[in-house]
Amino acid sequence: MKEIAPRIIIDPEIQGGRPVIQGTRVPVDLILGKIAGGMTIEELMKEYELKKEDILAALQYAAQVIKEEVLIYT
């Protein structure tokens, strides 16, 4: 297990090494997809037994990954 951001870990034994919320098996991409689909933070908290801080950490992690992405135009 390796913490790659606050509250976000990767572990080859959990979800195939995809980034998840620490202490859960909930992947970051699932949280992003649910929010993009219109689910509220409160609904996510209830359905996946997450804390608001977990969801905000997933959003912060995603923002950081996109910020560091390098696009190559050809």
Protein backbone atom coordinates (compact mmCIF):
# COMPACT_ATOMS: atom_id res chain seq x y z
CA MET A 1 0.00 0.00 0.00
CA LYS A 2 1.25 3.48 -0.89
CA GLU A 3 -0.36 6.82 -0.11
CA ILE A 4 -0.19 8.91 -3.29
CA ALA A 5 -2.17 11.87 -1.96
CA PRO A 6 -3.90 12.69 1.31
CA ARG A 7 -6.56 9.97 1.89
CA ILE A 8 -5.78 8.35 -1.49
CA ILE A 9 -3.85 5.09 -1.75
CA ILE A 10 -2.83 2.51 -4.31
CA ASP A 11 -2.41 -1.17 -3.47
CA PRO A 12 -2.07 -3.99 -6.00
CA GLU A 13 -4.39 -6.06 -3.80
CA ILE A 14 -7.21 -3.49 -3.87
CA GLN A 15 -9.05 -2.73 -7.12
CA GLY A 16 -6.03 -3.87 -9.14
CA GLY A 17 -3.91 -0.98 -7.90
CA ARG A 18 -6.32 1.78 -8.95
CA PRO A 19 -6.36 4.86 -6.68
CA VAL A 20 -8.93 4.36 -3.90
CA ILE A 21 -10.06 6.15 -0.75
CA GLN A 22 -7.89 4.96 2.13
CA GLY A 23 -9.63 2.36 4.28
CA THR A 24 -12.14 1.52 1.53
CA ARG A 25 -12.32 -0.20 -1.83
CA VAL A 26 -13.98 2.85 -3.42
CA PRO A 27 -12.01 4.00 -6.48
CA VAL A 28 -11.42 7.68 -7.14
CA ASP A 29 -12.74 7.34 -10.70
CA LEU A 30 -16.05 5.97 -9.39
CA ILE A 31 -16.48 9.05 -7.21
CA LEU A 32 -15.70 11.37 -10.12
CA GLY A 33 -18.08 9.52 -12.41
CA LYS A 34 -20.91 9.62 -9.89
CA ILE A 35 -20.46 13.36 -9.34
CA ALA A 36 -20.31 13.93 -13.11
CA GLY A 37 -23.54 11.96 -13.40
CA GLY A 38 -25.28 14.26 -10.95
CA MET A 39 -24.92 12.45 -7.62
CA THR A 40 -24.50 14.82 -4.69
CA ILE A 41 -21.76 14.63 -2.08
CA GLU A 42 -24.40 13.72 0.50
CA GLU A 43 -25.68 10.86 -1.68
CA LEU A 44 -22.14 9.57 -2.19
CA MET A 45 -21.48 9.73 1.53
CA LYS A 46 -24.57 7.69 2.28
CA GLU A 47 -24.27 5.12 -0.52
CA TYR A 48 -20.55 4.41 -0.12
CA GLU A 49 -20.12 5.19 3.60
CA LEU A 50 -17.63 7.96 2.89
CA LYS A 51 -16.81 11.16 4.69
CA LYS A 52 -17.03 14.53 2.97
CA GLU A 53 -13.25 14.79 3.35
CA ASP A 54 -12.84 11.55 1.35
CA ILE A 55 -14.83 12.92 -1.58
CA LEU A 56 -13.03 16.25 -1.50
CA ALA A 57 -9.70 14.39 -1.43
CA ALA A 58 -10.73 12.47 -4.56
CA LEU A 59 -11.60 15.73 -6.31
CA GLN A 60 -8.33 17.34 -5.23
CA TYR A 61 -6.34 14.31 -6.41
CA ALA A 62 -8.07 14.38 -9.82
CA ALA A 63 -7.42 18.12 -10.16
CA GLN A 64 -3.74 17.60 -9.37
CA VAL A 65 -3.40 14.77 -11.90
CA ILE A 66 -4.99 16.88 -14.64
CA LYS A 67 -2.86 19.88 -13.72
CA GLU A 68 0.30 17.81 -14.16
CA GLU A 69 -0.84 16.22 -17.44
CA VAL A 70 1.27 17.12 -20.44
CA LEU A 71 -0.52 17.28 -23.77
CA ILE A 72 1.37 16.90 -27.00
CA TYR A 73 -0.09 18.60 -30.06
CA THR A 74 0.90 17.35 -33.48
